[in-house]
Amino acid sequence: MSATLAPRVVVVSRRSELDELLVRHGTRAAAEHFLRQRGRDLDEVAARHEALEAALTTVDAAVPSDWRRGRVDRDDLPRFLFGPEDIVVAVGQDGLVANLAKYLAGQPVLGVDPEPGLNPGVLVRFGAGEVGAALRAVEAQAAAVRPLTMVAARLDDGQVLAGLNEVYAGHGTHQSARYRLIGADGWGERQSSSGVLVGTGTGATGWTASIAADRGWKGALPEPESPSLSWFVREAWPSPATGATLTAGMLQRGEELRLVCESERLVVFADGVESDHLTVTWGQQITIGLADHRLRLVVPG
């Protein structure tokens, strides 16, 4: 950390389900009616909202008074500028850390679970009451940090999109996408499929794991910190013009998967956030491999 500039703690969260219901329906009574029609109880939704608010209040109080502060909602991440000396605190579910990862460039991240026992807690490893000590450990460079591998898609016009779990390249509505796929060994084929998924070890328990199970994949998937990626082609369609033999594999350090677009419009998005995507047009090339940086996830020591 800089000796002349106090650290800035940026707290990232997302609107609670109750907040979203109130935006949509206007009043608690209308939200309660909506939930009751679906066999749900407003009290449960309100309790989760209160747990999130309590965690945010505790985290805010844990930031030293002489440190700088920032706050950003998940929906505003594409427009928020993180500084190189920021310490990022994500308060929410594991998926919030994944949503956040692609906007960072090496800043340490503390994941805070507002509802311990209800979330898997793979990426949100701290309780709100532990944040103060963790922040001091980060400032002193004494915190335990896991460098999690990330995947990146690069277009030939210089645009880059990174992901903590996976990147998807294909049609925006998951219809048939046509492209020429070129593997790490240089061999390739024209394909028509529901898209290509390239995943990290962190994402190996999610979307890629589901595809691997359906495919009867016998190999091991990557570990979160290993410099390797797995890739799968979804529902490749064999025809006189397209093949379905190059549909799964691994990428090691220095290896890349390339797709040359042969559709009018394809998209590339990361970690399931389809609204934040790159657009690819006919003839453009997508190169997918290890990202240049990792997510520095702070974990309990």
C-alpha atoms as a PDB file:
ATOM      1  CA  MET A   1       0.000   0.000   0.000  1.00  0.00           C
ATOM      2  CA  SER A   2       1.101   3.598  -0.617  1.00  0.00           C
ATOM      3  CA  ALA A   3       2.762   5.305   2.365  1.00  0.00           C
ATOM      4  CA  THR A   4       1.071   8.630   1.562  1.00  0.00           C
ATOM      5  CA  LEU A   5      -2.422   7.567   0.567  1.00  0.00           C
ATOM      6  CA  ALA A   6      -4.809   5.738   2.885  1.00  0.00           C
ATOM      7  CA  PRO A   7      -6.261   2.524   1.453  1.00  0.00           C
ATOM      8  CA  ARG A   8      -9.709   2.712  -0.119  1.00  0.00           C
ATOM      9  CA  VAL A   9     -12.188  -0.011   0.789  1.00  0.00           C
ATOM     10  CA  VAL A  10     -14.775  -0.544  -1.931  1.00  0.00           C
ATOM     11  CA  VAL A  11     -17.845  -2.442  -0.733  1.00  0.00           C
ATOM     12  CA  VAL A  12     -19.722  -4.289  -3.478  1.00  0.00           C
ATOM     13  CA  SER A  13     -23.215  -5.675  -3.020  1.00  0.00           C
ATOM     14  CA  ARG A  14     -26.373  -6.239  -5.007  1.00  0.00           C
ATOM     15  CA  ARG A  15     -29.950  -5.272  -4.340  1.00  0.00           C
ATOM     16  CA  SER A  16     -31.804  -7.723  -2.142  1.00  0.00           C
ATOM     17  CA  GLU A  17     -34.785  -9.653  -3.468  1.00  0.00           C
ATOM     18  CA  LEU A  18     -37.015  -7.425  -1.332  1.00  0.00           C
ATOM     19  CA  ASP A  19     -35.545  -4.308  -2.941  1.00  0.00           C
ATOM     20  CA  GLU A  20     -36.169  -5.749  -6.400  1.00  0.00           C
ATOM     21  CA  LEU A  21     -39.740  -6.710  -5.493  1.00  0.00           C
ATOM     22  CA  LEU A  22     -40.457  -3.203  -4.226  1.00  0.00           C
ATOM     23  CA  VAL A  23     -39.082  -1.674  -7.433  1.00  0.00           C
ATOM     24  CA  ARG A  24     -41.299  -3.978  -9.474  1.00  0.00           C
ATOM     25  CA  HIS A  25     -44.499  -3.877  -7.376  1.00  0.00           C
ATOM     26  CA  GLY A  26     -44.274  -0.541  -5.553  1.00  0.00           C
ATOM     27  CA  THR A  27     -45.413  -1.529  -2.051  1.00  0.00           C
ATOM     28  CA  ARG A  28     -44.760  -4.275   0.487  1.00  0.00           C
ATOM     29  CA  ALA A  29     -48.424  -5.280   0.320  1.00  0.00           C
ATOM     30  CA  ALA A  30     -48.239  -5.790  -3.436  1.00  0.00           C
ATOM     31  CA  ALA A  31     -44.958  -7.678  -3.076  1.00  0.00           C
ATOM     32  CA  GLU A  32     -46.484  -9.885  -0.385  1.00  0.00           C
ATOM     33  CA  HIS A  33     -49.467 -10.660  -2.629  1.00  0.00           C
ATOM     34  CA  PHE A  34     -47.131 -11.539  -5.490  1.00  0.00           C
ATOM     35  CA  LEU A  35     -45.103 -13.915  -3.296  1.00  0.00           C
ATOM     36  CA  ARG A  36     -48.193 -15.514  -1.740  1.00  0.00           C
ATOM     37  CA  GLN A  37     -49.456 -16.428  -5.208  1.00  0.00           C
ATOM     38  CA  ARG A  38     -46.240 -18.390  -5.660  1.00  0.00           C
ATOM     39  CA  GLY A  39     -46.355 -20.153  -2.329  1.00  0.00           C
ATOM     40  CA  ARG A  40     -43.750 -17.930  -0.684  1.00  0.00           C
ATOM     41  CA  ASP A  41     -43.676 -15.811   2.448  1.00  0.00           C
ATOM     42  CA  LEU A  42     -42.658 -12.158   2.617  1.00  0.00           C
ATOM     43  CA  ASP A  43     -41.208 -12.717   6.093  1.00  0.00           C
ATOM     44  CA  GLU A  44     -38.494 -14.995   4.675  1.00  0.00           C
ATOM     45  CA  VAL A  45     -37.603 -12.454   1.980  1.00  0.00           C
ATOM     46  CA  ALA A  46     -37.585  -9.637   4.540  1.00  0.00           C
ATOM     47  CA  ALA A  47     -35.343 -11.645   6.886  1.00  0.00           C
ATOM     48  CA  ARG A  48     -32.778 -12.108   4.128  1.00  0.00           C
ATOM     49  CA  HIS A  49     -32.922  -8.395   3.337  1.00  0.00           C
ATOM     50  CA  GLU A  50     -32.309  -7.562   6.986  1.00  0.00           C
ATOM     51  CA  ALA A  51     -29.391  -9.994   7.156  1.00  0.00           C
ATOM     52  CA  LEU A  52     -27.760  -8.272   4.176  1.00  0.00           C
ATOM     53  CA  GLU A  53     -28.333  -4.810   5.639  1.00  0.00           C
ATOM     54  CA  ALA A  54     -26.907  -5.906   8.996  1.00  0.00           C
ATOM     55  CA  ALA A  55     -23.805  -7.328   7.308  1.00  0.00           C
ATOM     56  CA  LEU A  56     -23.279  -4.118   5.311  1.00  0.00           C
ATOM     57  CA  THR A  57     -23.607  -2.040   8.490  1.00  0.00           C
ATOM     58  CA  THR A  58     -21.058  -4.234  10.293  1.00  0.00           C
ATOM     59  CA  VAL A  59     -18.633  -4.061   7.373  1.00  0.00           C
ATOM     60  CA  ASP A  60     -18.963  -0.285   7.179  1.00  0.00           C
ATOM     61  CA  ALA A  61     -18.191   0.025  10.880  1.00  0.00           C
ATOM     62  CA  ALA A  62     -15.120  -2.210  10.496  1.00  0.00           C
ATOM     63  CA  VAL A  63     -13.388   0.131   8.013  1.00  0.00           C
ATOM     64  CA  PRO A  64     -10.823   2.270   9.863  1.00  0.00           C
ATOM     65  CA  SER A  65     -12.010   5.852  10.191  1.00  0.00           C
ATOM     66  CA  ASP A  66      -8.955   7.283   8.417  1.00  0.00           C
ATOM     67  CA  TRP A  67      -9.337   5.041   5.355  1.00  0.00           C
ATOM     68  CA  ARG A  68     -11.127   6.073   2.195  1.00  0.00           C
ATOM     69  CA  ARG A  69     -14.391   4.389   1.236  1.00  0.00           C
ATOM     70  CA  GLY A  70     -16.357   3.497  -1.860  1.00  0.00           C
ATOM     71  CA  ARG A  71     -19.615   1.685  -2.514  1.00  0.00           C
ATOM     72  CA  VAL A  72     -20.936   0.128  -5.713  1.00  0.00           C
ATOM     73  CA  ASP A  73     -23.946  -1.967  -6.673  1.00  0.00           C
ATOM     74  CA  ARG A  74     -23.370  -5.014  -8.834  1.00  0.00           C
ATOM     75  CA  ASP A  75     -25.384  -3.510 -11.689  1.00  0.00           C
ATOM     76  CA  ASP A  76     -23.059  -0.495 -11.772  1.00  0.00           C
ATOM     77  CA  LEU A  77     -19.801  -2.467 -11.936  1.00  0.00           C
ATOM     78  CA  PRO A  78     -19.273  -1.900 -15.694  1.00  0.00           C
ATOM     79  CA  ARG A  79     -19.193   1.868 -15.005  1.00  0.00           C
ATOM     80  CA  PHE A  80     -17.105   1.839 -11.823  1.00  0.00           C
ATOM     81  CA  LEU A  81     -13.377   2.497 -11.888  1.00  0.00           C
ATOM     82  CA  PHE A  82     -11.356   0.505  -9.360  1.00  0.00           C
ATOM     83  CA  GLY A  83      -8.014   1.898  -8.289  1.00  0.00           C
ATOM     84  CA  PRO A  84      -4.834  -0.193  -8.067  1.00  0.00           C
ATOM     85  CA  GLU A  85      -4.655   0.226  -4.281  1.00  0.00           C
ATOM     86  CA  ASP A  86      -8.294  -0.623  -3.541  1.00  0.00           C
ATOM     87  CA  ILE A  87      -9.286  -3.382  -1.161  1.00  0.00           C
ATOM     88  CA  VAL A  88     -12.581  -4.840  -2.370  1.00  0.00           C
ATOM     89  CA  VAL A  89     -15.165  -6.287   0.016  1.00  0.00           C
ATOM     90  CA  ALA A  90     -17.969  -8.243  -1.673  1.00  0.00           C
ATOM     91  CA  VAL A  91     -20.994  -8.762   0.587  1.00  0.00           C
ATOM     92  CA  GLY A  92     -23.365 -11.384  -0.771  1.00  0.00           C
ATOM     93  CA  GLN A  93     -23.382 -14.812  -2.347  1.00  0.00           C
ATOM     94  CA  ASP A  94     -20.459 -16.559  -4.043  1.00  0.00           C
ATOM     95  CA  GLY A  95     -21.733 -15.451  -7.441  1.00  0.00           C
ATOM     96  CA  LEU A  96     -21.155 -11.812  -6.544  1.00  0.00           C
ATOM     97  CA  VAL A  97     -17.399 -12.416  -6.357  1.00  0.00           C
ATOM     98  CA  ALA A  98     -17.504 -14.073  -9.775  1.00  0.00           C
ATOM     99  CA  ASN A  99     -19.498 -11.139 -11.207  1.00  0.00           C
ATOM    100  CA  LEU A 100     -16.926  -8.740  -9.774  1.00  0.00           C
ATOM    101  CA  ALA A 101     -13.750 -10.539 -10.810  1.00  0.00           C
ATOM    102  CA  LYS A 102     -13.588  -9.408 -14.434  1.00  0.00           C
ATOM    103  CA  TYR A 103     -13.525  -5.743 -13.442  1.00  0.00           C
ATOM    104  CA  LEU A 104     -10.428  -6.108 -11.261  1.00  0.00           C
ATOM    105  CA  ALA A 105      -6.722  -6.186 -12.025  1.00  0.00           C
ATOM    106  CA  GLY A 106      -5.060  -7.742  -9.003  1.00  0.00           C
ATOM    107  CA  GLN A 107      -6.845  -5.940  -6.154  1.00  0.00           C
ATOM    108  CA  PRO A 108      -7.398  -8.171  -3.092  1.00  0.00           C
ATOM    109  CA  VAL A 109     -11.003  -9.293  -2.558  1.00  0.00           C
ATOM    110  CA  LEU A 110     -12.683 -10.264   0.712  1.00  0.00           C
ATOM    111  CA  GLY A 111     -15.925 -12.170   0.268  1.00  0.00           C
ATOM    112  CA  VAL A 112     -18.406 -11.694   3.127  1.00  0.00           C
ATOM    113  CA  ASP A 113     -21.296 -14.104   3.634  1.00  0.00           C
ATOM    114  CA  PRO A 114     -24.316 -12.273   5.109  1.00  0.00           C
ATOM    115  CA  GLU A 115     -26.147 -15.568   5.693  1.00  0.00           C
ATOM    116  CA  PRO A 116     -23.672 -18.162   6.964  1.00  0.00           C
ATOM    117  CA  GLY A 117     -24.955 -21.678   6.465  1.00  0.00           C
ATOM    118  CA  LEU A 118     -27.259 -20.775   3.583  1.00  0.00           C
ATOM    119  CA  ASN A 119     -24.559 -20.134   0.958  1.00  0.00           C
ATOM    120  CA  PRO A 120     -21.857 -22.596  -0.125  1.00  0.00           C
ATOM    121  CA  GLY A 121     -19.235 -20.091   1.013  1.00  0.00           C
ATOM    122  CA  VAL A 122     -16.641 -21.072  -1.587  1.00  0.00           C
ATOM    123  CA  LEU A 123     -15.745 -17.468  -2.433  1.00  0.00           C
ATOM    124  CA  VAL A 124     -17.396 -15.598   0.459  1.00  0.00           C
ATOM    125  CA  ARG A 125     -15.208 -16.928   3.245  1.00  0.00           C
ATOM    126  CA  PHE A 126     -15.643 -14.304   5.979  1.00  0.00           C
ATOM    127  CA  GLY A 127     -18.356 -13.341   8.401  1.00  0.00           C
ATOM    128  CA  ALA A 128     -19.081  -9.628   8.668  1.00  0.00           C
ATOM    129  CA  GLY A 129     -17.543  -9.508  12.134  1.00  0.00           C
ATOM    130  CA  GLU A 130     -14.199 -10.753  10.809  1.00  0.00           C
ATOM    131  CA  VAL A 131     -13.717  -7.985   8.259  1.00  0.00           C
ATOM    132  CA  GLY A 132     -11.857  -5.506  10.481  1.00  0.00           C
ATOM    133  CA  ALA A 133      -9.025  -7.896  11.280  1.00  0.00           C
ATOM    134  CA  ALA A 134      -8.893  -9.084   7.672  1.00  0.00           C
ATOM    135  CA  LEU A 135      -8.549  -5.518   6.366  1.00  0.00           C
ATOM    136  CA  ARG A 136      -5.656  -4.845   8.735  1.00  0.00           C
ATOM    137  CA  ALA A 137      -3.980  -8.066   7.601  1.00  0.00           C
ATOM    138  CA  VAL A 138      -4.321  -7.035   3.953  1.00  0.00           C
ATOM    139  CA  GLU A 139      -2.851  -3.609   4.685  1.00  0.00           C
ATOM    140  CA  ALA A 140       0.093  -5.247   6.460  1.00  0.00           C
ATOM    141  CA  GLN A 141       0.513  -7.697   3.562  1.00  0.00           C
ATOM    142  CA  ALA A 142       0.027 -10.514   6.063  1.00  0.00           C
ATOM    143  CA  ALA A 143      -3.290 -11.877   4.756  1.00  0.00           C
ATOM    144  CA  ALA A 144      -3.643 -15.345   3.262  1.00  0.00           C
ATOM    145  CA  VAL A 145      -4.452 -14.949  -0.421  1.00  0.00           C
ATOM    146  CA  ARG A 146      -5.499 -17.570  -2.993  1.00  0.00           C
ATOM    147  CA  PRO A 147      -4.579 -16.611  -6.573  1.00  0.00           C
ATOM    148  CA  LEU A 148      -7.522 -18.005  -8.551  1.00  0.00           C
ATOM    149  CA  THR A 149      -7.043 -18.663 -12.255  1.00  0.00           C
ATOM    150  CA  MET A 150      -9.161 -16.622 -14.656  1.00  0.00           C
ATOM    151  CA  VAL A 151     -10.054 -17.158 -18.312  1.00  0.00           C
ATOM    152  CA  ALA A 152     -10.049 -14.432 -20.959  1.00  0.00           C
ATOM    153  CA  ALA A 153     -11.526 -14.035 -24.432  1.00  0.00           C
ATOM    154  CA  ARG A 154      -9.715 -11.637 -26.750  1.00  0.00           C
ATOM    155  CA  LEU A 155     -11.087 -10.294 -30.018  1.00  0.00           C
ATOM    156  CA  ASP A 156      -8.863  -9.362 -32.934  1.00  0.00           C
ATOM    157  CA  ASP A 157      -9.912  -5.712 -32.516  1.00  0.00           C
ATOM    158  CA  GLY A 158      -8.305  -5.596 -29.054  1.00  0.00           C
ATOM    159  CA  GLN A 159     -11.381  -6.059 -26.856  1.00  0.00           C
ATOM    160  CA  VAL A 160     -10.903  -8.389 -23.876  1.00  0.00           C
ATOM    161  CA  LEU A 161     -13.399 -10.005 -21.507  1.00  0.00           C
ATOM    162  CA  ALA A 162     -12.289 -12.080 -18.516  1.00  0.00           C
ATOM    163  CA  GLY A 163     -14.181 -14.453 -16.257  1.00  0.00           C
ATOM    164  CA  LEU A 164     -13.598 -16.255 -12.981  1.00  0.00           C
ATOM    165  CA  ASN A 165     -15.818 -19.258 -13.760  1.00  0.00           C
ATOM    166  CA  GLU A 166     -16.078 -19.421 -17.536  1.00  0.00           C
ATOM    167  CA  VAL A 167     -16.554 -17.565 -20.796  1.00  0.00           C
ATOM    168  CA  TYR A 168     -19.184 -18.467 -23.358  1.00  0.00           C
ATOM    169  CA  ALA A 169     -18.958 -17.774 -27.069  1.00  0.00           C
ATOM    170  CA  GLY A 170     -21.987 -18.378 -29.252  1.00  0.00           C
ATOM    171  CA  HIS A 171     -25.331 -17.030 -30.333  1.00  0.00           C
ATOM    172  CA  GLY A 172     -26.926 -14.511 -27.991  1.00  0.00           C
ATOM    173  CA  THR A 173     -30.073 -16.647 -27.634  1.00  0.00           C
ATOM    174  CA  HIS A 174     -28.160 -19.960 -27.550  1.00  0.00           C
ATOM    175  CA  GLN A 175     -29.415 -20.898 -31.008  1.00  0.00           C
ATOM    176  CA  SER A 176     -27.087 -22.422 -33.581  1.00  0.00           C
ATOM    177  CA  ALA A 177     -23.815 -20.546 -33.938  1.00  0.00           C
ATOM    178  CA  ARG A 178     -21.570 -21.122 -36.940  1.00  0.00           C
ATOM    179  CA  TYR A 179     -17.822 -20.649 -36.684  1.00  0.00           C
ATOM    180  CA  ARG A 180     -14.503 -22.297 -37.457  1.00  0.00           C
ATOM    181  CA  LEU A 181     -12.867 -23.730 -34.324  1.00  0.00           C
ATOM    182  CA  ILE A 182      -9.084 -24.100 -34.159  1.00  0.00           C
ATOM    183  CA  GLY A 183      -7.595 -26.106 -31.305  1.00  0.00           C
ATOM    184  CA  ALA A 184      -4.339 -25.591 -29.460  1.00  0.00           C
ATOM    185  CA  ASP A 185      -2.617 -28.093 -31.748  1.00  0.00           C
ATOM    186  CA  GLY A 186      -3.660 -26.162 -34.850  1.00  0.00           C
ATOM    187  CA  TRP A 187      -6.246 -28.692 -35.999  1.00  0.00           C
ATOM    188  CA  GLY A 188      -9.750 -27.383 -36.524  1.00  0.00           C
ATOM    189  CA  GLU A 189     -13.148 -27.769 -38.137  1.00  0.00           C
ATOM    190  CA  ARG A 190     -16.208 -25.785 -39.069  1.00  0.00           C
ATOM    191  CA  GLN A 191     -18.982 -26.228 -36.533  1.00  0.00           C
ATOM    192  CA  SER A 192     -22.599 -25.378 -35.877  1.00  0.00           C
ATOM    193  CA  SER A 193     -23.398 -25.599 -32.171  1.00  0.00           C
ATOM    194  CA  SER A 194     -25.090 -24.025 -29.173  1.00  0.00           C
ATOM    195  CA  GLY A 195     -21.813 -22.330 -28.323  1.00  0.00           C
ATOM    196  CA  VAL A 196     -18.427 -23.002 -26.763  1.00  0.00           C
ATOM    197  CA  LEU A 197     -17.734 -22.873 -23.025  1.00  0.00           C
ATOM    198  CA  VAL A 198     -14.222 -22.482 -21.590  1.00  0.00           C
ATOM    199  CA  GLY A 199     -14.004 -22.852 -17.812  1.00  0.00           C
ATOM    200  CA  THR A 200     -11.569 -22.467 -14.949  1.00  0.00           C
ATOM    201  CA  GLY A 201     -11.096 -24.598 -11.871  1.00  0.00           C
ATOM    202  CA  THR A 202     -13.292 -22.243  -9.858  1.00  0.00           C
ATOM    203  CA  GLY A 203     -16.071 -22.834 -12.373  1.00  0.00           C
ATOM    204  CA  ALA A 204     -15.480 -26.587 -12.458  1.00  0.00           C
ATOM    205  CA  THR A 205     -18.328 -27.154 -10.009  1.00  0.00           C
ATOM    206  CA  GLY A 206     -20.825 -25.189 -12.100  1.00  0.00           C
ATOM    207  CA  TRP A 207     -21.736 -24.953 -15.776  1.00  0.00           C
ATOM    208  CA  THR A 208     -18.681 -26.820 -17.073  1.00  0.00           C
ATOM    209  CA  ALA A 209     -19.226 -29.602 -14.511  1.00  0.00           C
ATOM    210  CA  SER A 210     -22.786 -30.064 -15.770  1.00  0.00           C
ATOM    211  CA  ILE A 211     -21.644 -30.323 -19.372  1.00  0.00           C
ATOM    212  CA  ALA A 212     -18.774 -32.649 -18.436  1.00  0.00           C
ATOM    213  CA  ALA A 213     -21.195 -34.970 -16.623  1.00  0.00           C
ATOM    214  CA  ASP A 214     -23.627 -35.026 -19.544  1.00  0.00           C
ATOM    215  CA  ARG A 215     -20.735 -35.690 -21.912  1.00  0.00           C
ATOM    216  CA  GLY A 216     -19.354 -38.557 -19.812  1.00  0.00           C
ATOM    217  CA  TRP A 217     -16.059 -36.682 -19.498  1.00  0.00           C
ATOM    218  CA  LYS A 218     -13.525 -39.012 -17.874  1.00  0.00           C
ATOM    219  CA  GLY A 219     -10.678 -36.572 -17.324  1.00  0.00           C
ATOM    220  CA  ALA A 220     -10.107 -34.417 -14.269  1.00  0.00           C
ATOM    221  CA  LEU A 221     -11.282 -30.828 -14.429  1.00  0.00           C
ATOM    222  CA  PRO A 222      -8.849 -28.063 -13.396  1.00  0.00           C
ATOM    223  CA  GLU A 223      -8.246 -26.990  -9.808  1.00  0.00           C
ATOM    224  CA  PRO A 224      -9.010 -23.336  -8.930  1.00  0.00           C
ATOM    225  CA  GLU A 225      -5.350 -22.297  -8.793  1.00  0.00           C
ATOM    226  CA  SER A 226      -4.005 -24.495 -11.591  1.00  0.00           C
ATOM    227  CA  PRO A 227      -2.902 -22.776 -14.833  1.00  0.00           C
ATOM    228  CA  SER A 228      -5.272 -24.791 -17.005  1.00  0.00           C
ATOM    229  CA  LEU A 229      -8.759 -24.587 -18.496  1.00  0.00           C
ATOM    230  CA  SER A 230     -11.355 -27.032 -19.764  1.00  0.00           C
ATOM    231  CA  TRP A 231     -13.456 -26.421 -22.851  1.00  0.00           C
ATOM    232  CA  PHE A 232     -16.627 -27.942 -24.257  1.00  0.00           C
ATOM    233  CA  VAL A 233     -18.653 -27.436 -27.415  1.00  0.00           C
ATOM    234  CA  ARG A 234     -22.378 -27.518 -26.676  1.00  0.00           C
ATOM    235  CA  GLU A 235     -24.527 -29.665 -28.987  1.00  0.00           C
ATOM    236  CA  ALA A 236     -22.294 -29.661 -32.045  1.00  0.00           C
ATOM    237  CA  TRP A 237     -24.346 -30.552 -35.134  1.00  0.00           C
ATOM    238  CA  PRO A 238     -22.691 -32.743 -37.798  1.00  0.00           C
ATOM    239  CA  SER A 239     -23.661 -31.969 -41.378  1.00  0.00           C
ATOM    240  CA  PRO A 240     -22.025 -31.996 -44.822  1.00  0.00           C
ATOM    241  CA  ALA A 241     -20.586 -28.557 -44.012  1.00  0.00           C
ATOM    242  CA  THR A 242     -19.922 -28.860 -40.252  1.00  0.00           C
ATOM    243  CA  GLY A 243     -18.241 -31.384 -37.973  1.00  0.00           C
ATOM    244  CA  ALA A 244     -18.601 -32.611 -34.412  1.00  0.00           C
ATOM    245  CA  THR A 245     -15.310 -34.304 -33.630  1.00  0.00           C
ATOM    246  CA  LEU A 246     -13.496 -31.463 -31.864  1.00  0.00           C
ATOM    247  CA  THR A 247     -15.846 -30.927 -28.919  1.00  0.00           C
ATOM    248  CA  ALA A 248     -13.879 -31.052 -25.632  1.00  0.00           C
ATOM    249  CA  GLY A 249     -10.390 -30.694 -24.270  1.00  0.00           C
ATOM    250  CA  MET A 250      -7.966 -28.942 -21.953  1.00  0.00           C
ATOM    251  CA  LEU A 251      -5.832 -25.836 -22.375  1.00  0.00           C
ATOM    252  CA  GLN A 252      -2.554 -25.525 -20.507  1.00  0.00           C
ATOM    253  CA  ARG A 253      -0.438 -22.426 -19.992  1.00  0.00           C
ATOM    254  CA  GLY A 254       0.421 -20.891 -23.370  1.00  0.00           C
ATOM    255  CA  GLU A 255      -2.335 -22.770 -25.223  1.00  0.00           C
ATOM    256  CA  GLU A 256      -5.375 -21.096 -26.751  1.00  0.00           C
ATOM    257  CA  LEU A 257      -8.632 -21.966 -28.443  1.00  0.00           C
ATOM    258  CA  ARG A 258      -9.620 -19.874 -31.465  1.00  0.00           C
ATOM    259  CA  LEU A 259     -13.004 -19.335 -33.066  1.00  0.00           C
ATOM    260  CA  VAL A 260     -13.459 -17.538 -36.392  1.00  0.00           C
ATOM    261  CA  CYS A 261     -17.019 -16.219 -36.615  1.00  0.00           C
ATOM    262  CA  GLU A 262     -19.063 -17.444 -39.607  1.00  0.00           C
ATOM    263  CA  SER A 263     -22.379 -16.023 -38.358  1.00  0.00           C
ATOM    264  CA  GLU A 264     -23.777 -12.535 -38.709  1.00  0.00           C
ATOM    265  CA  ARG A 265     -23.515 -11.932 -34.966  1.00  0.00           C
ATOM    266  CA  LEU A 266     -22.169 -13.909 -32.015  1.00  0.00           C
ATOM    267  CA  VAL A 267     -21.595 -12.805 -28.438  1.00  0.00           C
ATOM    268  CA  VAL A 268     -19.012 -13.505 -25.759  1.00  0.00           C
ATOM    269  CA  PHE A 269     -19.941 -13.176 -22.086  1.00  0.00           C
ATOM    270  CA  ALA A 270     -18.432 -14.277 -18.783  1.00  0.00           C
ATOM    271  CA  ASP A 271     -19.797 -15.885 -15.629  1.00  0.00           C
ATOM    272  CA  GLY A 272     -23.383 -15.955 -16.848  1.00  0.00           C
ATOM    273  CA  VAL A 273     -23.746 -12.161 -17.133  1.00  0.00           C
ATOM    274  CA  GLU A 274     -25.213 -11.993 -20.625  1.00  0.00           C
ATOM    275  CA  SER A 275     -25.955  -8.266 -20.435  1.00  0.00           C
ATOM    276  CA  ASP A 276     -22.220  -7.440 -20.318  1.00  0.00           C
ATOM    277  CA  HIS A 277     -20.936  -8.996 -23.519  1.00  0.00           C
ATOM    278  CA  LEU A 278     -18.697  -8.519 -26.529  1.00  0.00           C
ATOM    279  CA  THR A 279     -20.250  -8.640 -29.987  1.00  0.00           C
ATOM    280  CA  VAL A 280     -18.520 -10.615 -32.743  1.00  0.00           C
ATOM    281  CA  THR A 281     -19.321 -10.257 -36.450  1.00  0.00           C
ATOM    282  CA  TRP A 282     -18.542 -12.312 -39.542  1.00  0.00           C
ATOM    283  CA  GLY A 283     -14.836 -12.988 -39.979  1.00  0.00           C
ATOM    284  CA  GLN A 284     -13.759 -11.782 -36.546  1.00  0.00           C
ATOM    285  CA  GLN A 285     -11.582 -14.070 -34.453  1.00  0.00           C
ATOM    286  CA  ILE A 286     -12.032 -14.926 -30.777  1.00  0.00           C
ATOM    287  CA  THR A 287      -8.978 -16.216 -28.909  1.00  0.00           C
ATOM    288  CA  ILE A 288      -9.631 -17.839 -25.527  1.00  0.00           C
ATOM    289  CA  GLY A 289      -6.984 -18.783 -22.971  1.00  0.00           C
ATOM    290  CA  LEU A 290      -5.667 -17.973 -19.525  1.00  0.00           C
ATOM    291  CA  ALA A 291      -6.180 -14.390 -18.400  1.00  0.00           C
ATOM    292  CA  ASP A 292      -3.141 -12.215 -17.785  1.00  0.00           C
ATOM    293  CA  HIS A 293      -4.058 -11.828 -14.110  1.00  0.00           C
ATOM    294  CA  ARG A 294      -5.667 -13.855 -11.345  1.00  0.00           C
ATOM    295  CA  LEU A 295      -8.286 -13.026  -8.757  1.00  0.00           C
ATOM    296  CA  ARG A 296      -6.544 -12.431  -5.415  1.00  0.00           C
ATOM    297  CA  LEU A 297      -9.088 -13.911  -3.013  1.00  0.00           C
ATOM    298  CA  VAL A 298      -8.360 -13.216   0.649  1.00  0.00           C
ATOM    299  CA  VAL A 299      -9.140 -16.237   2.827  1.00  0.00           C
ATOM    300  CA  PRO A 300      -9.059 -16.832   6.585  1.00  0.00           C
ATOM    301  CA  GLY A 301      -5.507 -17.508   7.732  1.00  0.00           C
END
